[in-house]
Protein backbone atom coordinates (compact mmCIF):
# COMPACT_ATOMS: atom_id res chain seq x y z
CA MET A 1 -149.02 -14.24 195.70
CA ALA A 2 -148.25 -12.32 198.84
CA GLY A 3 -150.75 -9.50 199.41
CA VAL A 4 -153.49 -11.13 197.28
CA ASN A 5 -156.80 -10.93 199.15
CA ILE A 6 -158.69 -14.21 198.42
CA SER A 7 -161.89 -12.80 199.89
CA LEU A 8 -161.91 -9.90 197.39
CA ILE A 9 -161.24 -12.36 194.48
CA LEU A 10 -164.20 -14.46 195.50
CA GLN A 11 -166.43 -11.41 195.81
CA TRP A 12 -165.54 -10.36 192.28
CA LEU A 13 -166.05 -13.85 191.03
CA VAL A 14 -169.46 -14.13 192.60
CA LEU A 15 -170.45 -10.75 191.30
CA ALA A 16 -169.38 -11.81 187.74
CA ALA A 17 -171.35 -15.12 188.10
CA VAL A 18 -174.48 -13.13 189.09
CA ILE A 19 -174.14 -10.69 186.18
CA LEU A 20 -173.50 -13.60 183.75
CA ALA A 21 -176.53 -15.41 185.10
CA VAL A 22 -178.76 -12.33 184.46
CA VAL A 23 -177.26 -11.94 180.98
CA GLY A 24 -177.92 -15.66 180.39
CA PHE A 25 -181.45 -15.41 181.39
CA VAL A 26 -182.07 -12.55 179.08
CA LEU A 27 -180.34 -14.25 176.16
CA GLY A 28 -181.98 -17.56 177.10
CA LYS A 29 -185.50 -15.93 176.75
CA ARG A 30 -184.60 -14.66 173.30
CA LYS A 31 -182.56 -17.47 171.84
CA THR A 32 -183.54 -20.78 173.69
CA GLY A 33 -186.68 -22.34 175.07
CA LYS A 34 -185.14 -22.76 178.47
CA PRO A 35 -183.98 -19.41 180.01
CA VAL A 36 -183.52 -20.73 183.57
CA LEU A 37 -181.16 -23.50 182.37
CA THR A 38 -179.23 -21.13 180.19
CA ALA A 39 -178.84 -18.66 183.02
CA LEU A 40 -177.74 -21.43 185.47
CA SER A 41 -175.11 -22.88 183.03
CA LEU A 42 -173.75 -19.41 182.13
CA GLY A 43 -173.59 -18.40 185.87
CA ILE A 44 -171.69 -21.56 186.78
CA SER A 45 -169.44 -21.24 183.78
CA ALA A 46 -168.15 -17.89 185.25
CA PHE A 47 -165.83 -19.93 187.46
CA VAL A 48 -164.01 -21.05 184.31
CA PRO A 49 -163.68 -17.69 182.44
CA ILE A 50 -162.68 -19.14 178.97
CA VAL A 51 -165.73 -21.37 179.04
CA ALA A 52 -167.98 -18.46 179.91
CA VAL A 53 -166.63 -16.31 177.13
CA VAL A 54 -167.01 -19.08 174.56
CA TYR A 55 -170.58 -19.86 175.71
CA LEU A 56 -171.55 -16.20 175.74
CA ILE A 57 -170.16 -15.76 172.14
CA PHE A 58 -172.17 -18.87 171.13
CA LEU A 59 -175.32 -17.43 172.58
CA LEU A 60 -174.86 -14.06 171.08
CA ASN A 61 -174.35 -15.62 167.59
CA LYS A 62 -177.35 -17.94 167.93
CA PRO A 63 -180.42 -16.85 165.95
CA ASP A 64 -183.46 -15.68 167.88
CA ILE A 65 -186.42 -18.05 168.33
CA ASN A 66 -189.03 -15.42 167.38
CA PRO A 67 -187.35 -12.83 165.23
CA ALA A 68 -188.89 -9.42 165.49
CA GLY A 69 -190.61 -8.24 162.32
């Protein structure tokens, strides 16, 4: 692990958490009744990548609350 910059890894991880939180908020508005809770849980799950991927797939496959049309 020589030469691995921990600061850079943490910056990327925080960036990924912010992006996932925004995606979680958008999906939460469309698919759940609690977008803030969805955004928070998806943002926190970014620190465990496999959980974030599974949760994101679950949200993408969940039907919309108010389908358009």
